[in-house]
């Protein structure tokens, strides 16, 4: 995204402020300033600075942000000034990118910007959820408490993502080994049998002819197969970039057997924990739902949450649109409805998130226990079938000799 430099007037005290923000267009700069109660004076795209350092920059991992947040909370709670705390963090963090970002935040805070405004200029390090919670902490004078909540939230969210990714690793490894084994058999082993059968001029059984045909196709047209696989993945990725494609593919993933159950439970956990953390931190329900929708990671969930936001804005409840989406289980809908009625929505959402974190653990364990024998059986059938197909003509030759 382009970097824009702006000059704005603070609506509260009339002071002129300058800064930079990383957004898609000048219109988003105006929206950003209006949200922060500033009046735009001028805006222009910042000149691009090309240096070797830009190419060496790495990404900021969630773990780095968690450590940064916990240490920041400890310093603020101990009474250290904001700028001094940030300066200490900038000097001791091991992640070079985060170090540069923190130094930029120190500069912005010293220039008179709020901490949330300074964080918002670095969306690749600090998400919109992070920025909004910091803003709520600054406004309420409970920044240290909010930072501790943020660190806990990030740790649990990262653990959930790791669980889901971990469930994918084992099947991916087994499938990779299976593909390599089959390719080795088709490219190096099957041609040896083929030449042996050709020398005796023997009529081959159908399974043997199929395997030899696959071997010849792979040896002669491997480049076409790779191009077809690459082209298919490219087209799927391009389709997924569209709203309709993302909605359809995300919906298919949620409906997938076994895997869909894990994705659904992890999506429910992520939604409830994010929204519960935001509401308990003082973020308004409308802003909380908008941020939650953007961090949902699934277009179906995103649409359901945004419909809930429209429902709330119209004076209705959150639960009804969520129920209509048929993504959230009835228990979740009922508990959210009770939370709305009793005024304890944030606590209810946290309880739901804790429950579904455990459900994801159980679902991942069940998937791994099911995938292990299933993959072994599939691999055994494919490789064993190829071996049997190659030995069928040998059995026929032995019978002919007898």
Protein backbone atom coordinates (compact mmCIF):
# COMPACT_ATOMS: atom_id res chain seq x y z
CA UNK A 1 0.00 0.00 0.00
CA UNK A 2 1.21 3.56 -0.70
CA UNK A 3 2.36 5.79 2.15
CA UNK A 4 0.62 9.18 2.43
CA UNK A 5 1.89 12.29 4.22
CA UNK A 6 -0.83 14.49 5.70
CA UNK A 7 -1.24 17.80 7.46
CA UNK A 8 -4.33 18.06 9.67
CA UNK A 9 -5.86 20.32 12.29
CA UNK A 10 -6.94 18.85 15.63
CA UNK A 11 -10.68 19.53 16.01
CA UNK A 12 -10.38 19.80 19.81
CA UNK A 13 -7.56 22.33 20.23
CA UNK A 14 -6.94 23.57 16.67
CA UNK A 15 -3.27 22.49 16.64
CA UNK A 16 -1.66 21.53 13.32
CA UNK A 17 -0.33 17.98 13.17
CA UNK A 18 1.72 16.23 10.49
CA UNK A 19 2.13 12.53 10.00
CA UNK A 20 2.15 9.54 7.68
CA UNK A 21 -0.35 6.73 7.24
CA UNK A 22 -0.18 3.52 5.19
CA UNK A 23 -3.57 3.18 3.41
CA UNK A 24 -4.86 2.46 -0.09
CA UNK A 25 -6.07 5.91 -1.20
CA UNK A 26 -6.40 9.59 -0.25
CA UNK A 27 -10.07 8.97 0.59
CA UNK A 28 -8.99 6.51 3.29
CA UNK A 29 -6.63 9.16 4.68
CA UNK A 30 -9.63 11.49 5.06
CA UNK A 31 -11.67 8.73 6.72
CA UNK A 32 -8.80 7.95 9.08
CA UNK A 33 -8.48 11.60 10.11
CA UNK A 34 -12.24 12.03 10.61
CA UNK A 35 -12.25 8.94 12.84
CA UNK A 36 -9.50 10.52 14.94
CA UNK A 37 -11.35 13.87 15.11
CA UNK A 38 -8.94 15.77 12.87
CA UNK A 39 -9.62 18.06 9.90
CA UNK A 40 -7.59 17.40 6.76
CA UNK A 41 -5.54 20.35 5.50
CA UNK A 42 -3.40 18.68 2.84
CA UNK A 43 -2.33 15.19 1.76
CA UNK A 44 0.18 13.80 -0.70
CA UNK A 45 1.79 10.47 -1.48
CA UNK A 46 5.09 10.14 0.34
CA UNK A 47 8.17 9.82 -1.89
CA UNK A 48 9.43 6.27 -2.16
CA UNK A 49 12.73 5.64 -0.45
CA UNK A 50 14.63 2.74 -1.93
CA UNK A 51 17.40 1.27 0.16
CA UNK A 52 18.97 -2.09 0.85
CA UNK A 53 17.38 -2.02 4.30
CA UNK A 54 13.91 -2.16 2.76
CA UNK A 55 14.75 -5.49 1.14
CA UNK A 56 16.13 -6.93 4.36
CA UNK A 57 13.06 -6.17 6.41
CA UNK A 58 11.33 -9.24 7.78
CA UNK A 59 7.82 -9.67 9.02
CA UNK A 60 6.80 -9.17 12.61
CA UNK A 61 5.69 -12.46 14.16
CA UNK A 62 2.78 -12.68 16.56
CA UNK A 63 5.15 -14.00 19.23
CA UNK A 64 7.27 -10.82 18.94
CA UNK A 65 4.17 -8.64 19.36
CA UNK A 66 3.06 -10.68 22.40
CA UNK A 67 6.45 -10.20 24.13
CA UNK A 68 6.45 -6.50 23.18
CA UNK A 69 2.94 -6.04 24.59
CA UNK A 70 3.57 -7.86 27.87
CA UNK A 71 6.79 -5.94 28.52
CA UNK A 72 5.07 -2.66 27.60
CA UNK A 73 2.23 -3.42 30.03
CA UNK A 74 4.70 -4.19 32.85
CA UNK A 75 6.56 -0.91 32.32
CA UNK A 76 3.37 1.19 32.18
CA UNK A 77 2.04 -0.55 35.31
CA UNK A 78 5.35 0.21 37.09
CA UNK A 79 4.87 3.93 36.38
CA UNK A 80 7.45 4.45 33.63
CA UNK A 81 6.64 7.29 31.18
CA UNK A 82 5.23 6.23 27.80
CA UNK A 83 8.15 7.47 25.67
CA UNK A 84 10.76 5.96 27.99
CA UNK A 85 8.97 2.59 27.93
CA UNK A 86 8.86 2.59 24.12
CA UNK A 87 12.52 3.60 23.90
CA UNK A 88 13.53 0.69 26.14
CA UNK A 89 11.45 -1.70 24.04
CA UNK A 90 13.02 -0.39 20.83
CA UNK A 91 16.52 -0.98 22.19
CA UNK A 92 15.93 -4.52 23.46
CA UNK A 93 13.67 -6.15 20.85
CA UNK A 94 15.46 -8.74 18.70
CA UNK A 95 13.20 -8.30 15.65
CA UNK A 96 14.81 -5.57 13.50
CA UNK A 97 11.55 -4.65 11.77
CA UNK A 98 9.72 -4.25 15.08
CA UNK A 99 12.68 -2.23 16.36
CA UNK A 100 12.35 0.24 13.45
CA UNK A 101 8.57 0.42 13.91
CA UNK A 102 8.93 1.12 17.65
CA UNK A 103 11.43 3.92 16.97
CA UNK A 104 8.95 5.45 14.51
CA UNK A 105 6.20 5.18 17.16
CA UNK A 106 8.45 6.95 19.70
CA UNK A 107 9.03 9.77 17.21
CA UNK A 108 5.27 10.16 16.54
CA UNK A 109 4.36 10.14 20.25
CA UNK A 110 7.02 12.76 20.96
CA UNK A 111 5.53 14.84 18.12
CA UNK A 112 2.17 14.93 19.95
CA UNK A 113 0.29 12.01 18.42
CA UNK A 114 -1.60 9.58 20.59
CA UNK A 115 -0.17 6.08 21.01
CA UNK A 116 -3.07 4.58 19.02
CA UNK A 117 -2.48 7.02 16.16
CA UNK A 118 1.23 6.15 16.14
CA UNK A 119 0.46 2.41 16.08
CA UNK A 120 -2.13 2.83 13.31
CA UNK A 121 0.59 3.98 10.88
CA UNK A 122 2.11 0.49 10.99
CA UNK A 123 -0.73 -1.95 10.13
CA UNK A 124 1.68 -4.77 9.27
CA UNK A 125 2.85 -4.82 12.90
CA UNK A 126 -0.23 -3.58 14.78
CA UNK A 127 -3.63 -4.72 13.56
CA UNK A 128 -6.79 -2.62 13.59
CA UNK A 129 -7.95 -4.61 16.62
CA UNK A 130 -4.71 -3.77 18.44
CA UNK A 131 -5.00 -0.06 17.61
CA UNK A 132 -8.65 0.20 18.71
CA UNK A 133 -7.99 -1.54 22.02
CA UNK A 134 -5.02 0.76 22.72
CA UNK A 135 -7.22 3.76 21.90
CA UNK A 136 -9.85 2.49 24.36
CA UNK A 137 -7.14 1.98 27.00
CA UNK A 138 -5.80 5.50 26.53
CA UNK A 139 -9.28 7.01 26.73
CA UNK A 140 -10.15 5.05 29.88
CA UNK A 141 -6.78 5.43 31.60
CA UNK A 142 -6.32 1.66 31.80
CA UNK A 143 -3.65 1.17 29.14
CA UNK A 144 -1.68 -1.40 31.18
CA UNK A 145 -4.80 -3.54 31.74
CA UNK A 146 -5.71 -3.36 28.05
CA UNK A 147 -2.18 -4.34 27.00
CA UNK A 148 -2.29 -7.42 29.26
CA UNK A 149 -5.64 -8.39 27.72
CA UNK A 150 -4.17 -7.87 24.28
CA UNK A 151 -1.18 -10.10 25.01
CA UNK A 152 -3.44 -12.86 26.37
CA UNK A 153 -5.74 -12.55 23.36
CA UNK A 154 -2.85 -12.71 20.88
CA UNK A 155 -1.35 -15.74 22.62
CA UNK A 156 -4.62 -17.68 22.51
CA UNK A 157 -5.35 -16.65 18.92
CA UNK A 158 -1.86 -17.70 17.83
CA UNK A 159 -2.23 -21.03 19.65
CA UNK A 160 -5.54 -21.65 17.87
CA UNK A 161 -4.01 -20.92 14.45
CA UNK A 162 -1.11 -23.25 15.23
CA UNK A 163 -3.53 -26.04 16.14
CA UNK A 164 -5.39 -25.76 12.85
CA UNK A 165 -2.16 -25.54 10.84
CA UNK A 166 -0.76 -28.48 12.80
CA UNK A 167 -3.75 -30.57 11.73
CA UNK A 168 -2.77 -29.92 8.09
CA UNK A 169 0.93 -30.76 8.41
CA UNK A 170 0.67 -34.54 8.86
CA UNK A 171 -1.66 -35.19 5.88
CA UNK A 172 0.47 -32.85 3.73
CA UNK A 173 3.67 -34.74 4.62
CA UNK A 174 2.11 -38.15 3.95
CA UNK A 175 0.67 -36.98 0.62
CA UNK A 176 4.04 -35.52 -0.40
CA UNK A 177 5.80 -38.80 0.41
CA UNK A 178 3.12 -40.72 -1.51
CA UNK A 179 3.47 -38.51 -4.59
CA UNK A 180 7.28 -38.83 -4.55
CA UNK A 181 7.10 -42.62 -4.12
CA UNK A 182 4.61 -43.01 -6.97
CA UNK A 183 6.65 -40.71 -9.23
CA UNK A 184 9.83 -42.74 -8.54
CA UNK A 185 8.01 -45.99 -9.37
CA UNK A 186 6.51 -44.60 -12.59
CA UNK A 187 9.72 -42.95 -13.83
CA UNK A 188 12.43 -45.45 -12.82
CA UNK A 189 10.89 -48.84 -11.96
CA UNK A 190 7.98 -49.31 -14.37
CA UNK A 191 10.07 -48.71 -17.56
CA UNK A 192 12.33 -51.62 -16.50
CA UNK A 193 9.33 -53.95 -16.37
CA UNK A 194 8.03 -52.51 -19.64
CA UNK A 195 11.24 -53.32 -21.51
CA UNK A 196 11.25 -56.82 -20.01
CA UNK A 197 7.66 -57.48 -21.13
CA UNK A 198 8.38 -56.07 -24.61
CA UNK A 199 11.28 -58.54 -25.06
CA UNK A 200 9.00 -61.58 -24.60
CA UNK A 201 6.17 -60.17 -26.74
CA UNK A 202 3.52 -61.02 -24.12
CA UNK A 203 -0.05 -59.69 -24.17
CA UNK A 204 -0.38 -57.58 -21.02
CA UNK A 205 -3.38 -57.51 -18.64
CA UNK A 206 -5.44 -54.30 -18.47
CA UNK A 207 -4.08 -53.15 -15.04
CA UNK A 208 -0.52 -53.51 -16.34
CA UNK A 209 -1.28 -51.55 -19.53
CA UNK A 210 -2.84 -48.76 -17.43
CA UNK A 211 0.23 -48.45 -15.17
CA UNK A 212 2.62 -48.52 -18.16
CA UNK A 213 0.49 -45.86 -19.88
CA UNK A 214 0.70 -43.65 -16.78
CA UNK A 215 4.48 -44.14 -16.71
CA UNK A 216 4.86 -43.18 -20.39
CA UNK A 217 2.60 -40.14 -19.94
CA UNK A 218 4.58 -38.92 -16.91
CA UNK A 219 7.96 -39.40 -18.63
CA UNK A 220 6.86 -37.74 -21.90
CA UNK A 221 4.54 -35.01 -20.63
CA UNK A 222 5.73 -34.20 -17.10
CA UNK A 223 6.14 -30.55 -18.11
CA UNK A 224 2.52 -30.39 -19.30
CA UNK A 225 1.28 -31.93 -16.03
CA UNK A 226 3.27 -29.42 -13.95
CA UNK A 227 1.98 -26.57 -16.12
CA UNK A 228 -1.59 -27.81 -15.71
CA UNK A 229 -1.27 -28.09 -11.93
CA UNK A 230 0.37 -24.64 -11.71
CA UNK A 231 -2.26 -23.10 -13.99
CA UNK A 232 -5.08 -24.65 -11.98
CA UNK A 233 -3.67 -23.33 -8.70
CA UNK A 234 -3.17 -19.89 -10.27
CA UNK A 235 -6.76 -19.76 -11.55
CA UNK A 236 -8.14 -20.92 -8.20
CA UNK A 237 -6.09 -18.23 -6.44
CA UNK A 238 -7.31 -15.54 -8.87
CA UNK A 239 -10.90 -16.68 -8.37
CA UNK A 240 -10.41 -16.60 -4.61
CA UNK A 241 -9.37 -12.95 -4.84
CA UNK A 242 -12.89 -12.04 -6.02
CA UNK A 243 -15.73 -11.59 -3.50
CA UNK A 244 -17.89 -14.29 -5.11
CA UNK A 245 -14.96 -16.72 -5.32
CA UNK A 246 -13.91 -16.17 -1.72
CA UNK A 247 -17.49 -16.64 -0.54
CA UNK A 248 -17.92 -19.88 -2.52
CA UNK A 249 -14.56 -21.42 -1.59
CA UNK A 250 -14.83 -20.45 2.09
CA UNK A 251 -18.34 -21.91 2.16
CA UNK A 252 -17.07 -25.17 0.61
CA UNK A 253 -14.29 -25.37 3.21
CA UNK A 254 -16.80 -24.96 6.05
CA UNK A 255 -18.96 -27.74 4.55
CA UNK A 256 -16.02 -30.11 4.01
CA UNK A 257 -16.15 -33.34 6.05
CA UNK A 258 -13.96 -33.42 9.19
CA UNK A 259 -11.82 -30.43 8.14
CA UNK A 260 -14.89 -28.21 7.87
CA UNK A 261 -15.81 -29.02 11.47
CA UNK A 262 -12.37 -27.87 12.66
CA UNK A 263 -12.53 -24.68 10.58
CA UNK A 264 -16.05 -23.93 11.84
CA UNK A 265 -15.11 -24.40 15.49
CA UNK A 266 -11.91 -22.34 15.14
CA UNK A 267 -13.90 -19.57 13.38
CA UNK A 268 -16.46 -19.50 16.21
CA UNK A 269 -13.66 -19.38 18.80
CA UNK A 270 -11.87 -16.58 16.97
CA UNK A 271 -15.06 -14.54 16.49
CA UNK A 272 -16.22 -14.82 20.10
CA UNK A 273 -12.80 -14.20 21.64
CA UNK A 274 -12.10 -11.17 19.43
CA UNK A 275 -15.50 -9.57 20.01
CA UNK A 276 -15.47 -10.39 23.74
CA UNK A 277 -12.01 -8.87 24.19
CA UNK A 278 -12.97 -5.70 22.31
CA UNK A 279 -16.24 -5.17 24.21
CA UNK A 280 -14.61 -5.80 27.61
CA UNK A 281 -11.92 -3.25 26.69
CA UNK A 282 -14.44 -0.50 26.10
CA UNK A 283 -14.69 -0.61 22.29
CA UNK A 284 -18.24 0.05 21.08
CA UNK A 285 -20.27 -2.92 19.87
CA UNK A 286 -20.52 -1.49 16.32
CA UNK A 287 -16.77 -0.90 16.01
CA UNK A 288 -16.13 -4.27 17.65
CA UNK A 289 -18.27 -6.12 15.11
CA UNK A 290 -16.62 -4.30 12.20
CA UNK A 291 -13.12 -5.17 13.43
CA UNK A 292 -14.16 -8.76 14.15
CA UNK A 293 -15.57 -9.14 10.64
CA UNK A 294 -12.29 -7.95 9.10
CA UNK A 295 -10.25 -10.40 11.18
CA UNK A 296 -12.61 -13.36 10.67
CA UNK A 297 -10.46 -15.00 7.98
CA UNK A 298 -13.54 -16.45 6.27
CA UNK A 299 -15.90 -14.60 3.93
CA UNK A 300 -18.99 -16.48 5.15
CA UNK A 301 -18.23 -15.49 8.76
CA UNK A 302 -17.41 -11.95 7.62
CA UNK A 303 -20.79 -11.53 5.91
CA UNK A 304 -22.68 -12.95 8.90
CA UNK A 305 -20.91 -10.59 11.32
CA UNK A 306 -21.51 -7.55 9.10
CA UNK A 307 -25.21 -8.44 8.90
CA UNK A 308 -25.22 -8.55 12.71
CA UNK A 309 -23.64 -5.10 12.75
CA UNK A 310 -26.41 -3.77 10.50
CA UNK A 311 -28.96 -5.45 12.75
CA UNK A 312 -27.50 -3.76 15.85
CA UNK A 313 -27.40 -0.40 14.05
CA UNK A 314 -31.10 -0.86 13.28
CA UNK A 315 -31.93 -1.47 16.94
CA UNK A 316 -32.20 -5.26 16.73
CA UNK A 317 -30.11 -8.09 18.23
CA UNK A 318 -26.83 -9.72 17.19
CA UNK A 319 -28.14 -13.25 17.50
CA UNK A 320 -30.79 -13.23 14.74
CA UNK A 321 -28.46 -12.58 11.74
CA UNK A 322 -25.90 -15.05 13.12
CA UNK A 323 -28.59 -17.72 13.32
CA UNK A 324 -29.69 -16.95 9.75
CA UNK A 325 -26.16 -17.56 8.44
CA UNK A 326 -26.32 -21.23 9.61
CA UNK A 327 -22.61 -21.08 10.43
CA UNK A 328 -22.86 -20.74 14.19
CA UNK A 329 -24.17 -23.68 16.28
CA UNK A 330 -27.49 -23.22 18.14
CA UNK A 331 -25.71 -23.29 21.52
CA UNK A 332 -23.58 -20.28 20.50
CA UNK A 333 -26.63 -18.36 19.27
CA UNK A 334 -28.50 -19.08 22.52
CA UNK A 335 -25.58 -18.03 24.73
CA UNK A 336 -25.06 -14.80 22.76
CA UNK A 337 -28.79 -14.03 23.07
CA UNK A 338 -28.63 -14.60 26.84
CA UNK A 339 -25.52 -12.40 27.07
CA UNK A 340 -27.32 -9.59 25.23
CA UNK A 341 -30.34 -9.82 27.52
CA UNK A 342 -28.34 -9.91 30.76
CA UNK A 343 -25.77 -7.28 29.76
CA UNK A 344 -22.89 -9.72 30.20
CA UNK A 345 -22.14 -10.27 26.51
CA UNK A 346 -18.35 -9.95 26.88
CA UNK A 347 -18.18 -12.62 29.62
CA UNK A 348 -20.49 -14.94 27.67
CA UNK A 349 -18.36 -14.56 24.51
CA UNK A 350 -15.19 -15.38 26.46
CA UNK A 351 -16.82 -18.54 27.89
CA UNK A 352 -17.87 -19.62 24.39
CA UNK A 353 -14.30 -19.02 23.11
CA UNK A 354 -12.77 -21.10 25.93
CA UNK A 355 -15.22 -23.93 25.23
CA UNK A 356 -14.51 -23.96 21.49
CA UNK A 357 -10.75 -23.80 22.04
CA UNK A 358 -11.11 -27.16 23.79
CA UNK A 359 -13.41 -28.39 21.01
CA UNK A 360 -10.75 -27.53 18.43
CA UNK A 361 -8.19 -29.55 20.46
CA UNK A 362 -10.51 -32.56 20.45
CA UNK A 363 -11.33 -32.18 16.74
CA UNK A 364 -7.66 -31.89 15.77
CA UNK A 365 -6.77 -35.00 17.80
CA UNK A 366 -9.64 -36.89 16.16
CA UNK A 367 -8.52 -35.77 12.70
CA UNK A 368 -4.93 -36.87 13.28
CA UNK A 369 -6.00 -40.27 14.68
CA UNK A 370 -8.24 -40.78 11.63
CA UNK A 371 -5.80 -39.50 9.02
CA UNK A 372 -2.89 -41.73 10.04
CA UNK A 373 -4.47 -45.12 9.20
CA UNK A 374 -6.41 -43.64 6.28
CA UNK A 375 -3.28 -42.27 4.60
CA UNK A 376 -1.41 -45.53 5.18
CA UNK A 377 -4.25 -47.50 3.59
CA UNK A 378 -4.45 -45.13 0.59
CA UNK A 379 -0.68 -45.23 0.07
CA UNK A 380 -0.65 -49.02 0.44
CA UNK A 381 -3.48 -49.49 -2.05
CA UNK A 382 -1.86 -47.24 -4.70
CA UNK A 383 1.69 -48.58 -4.40
CA UNK A 384 0.55 -52.15 -3.81
CA UNK A 385 -1.81 -51.95 -6.79
CA UNK A 386 1.04 -50.80 -9.03
CA UNK A 387 3.29 -53.64 -7.83
CA UNK A 388 0.56 -56.25 -8.36
CA UNK A 389 -0.17 -54.84 -11.84
CA UNK A 390 3.50 -55.30 -12.76
CA UNK A 391 3.63 -58.86 -11.45
CA UNK A 392 0.45 -60.07 -13.19
CA UNK A 393 2.27 -60.69 -16.52
CA UNK A 394 5.05 -62.52 -14.65
CA UNK A 395 2.45 -64.87 -13.15
CA UNK A 396 1.04 -65.43 -16.64
CA UNK A 397 4.54 -66.24 -17.93
CA UNK A 398 5.09 -68.75 -15.11
CA UNK A 399 1.77 -70.45 -15.86
CA UNK A 400 2.63 -70.59 -19.58
CA UNK A 401 5.97 -72.29 -18.81
CA UNK A 402 4.28 -74.89 -16.63
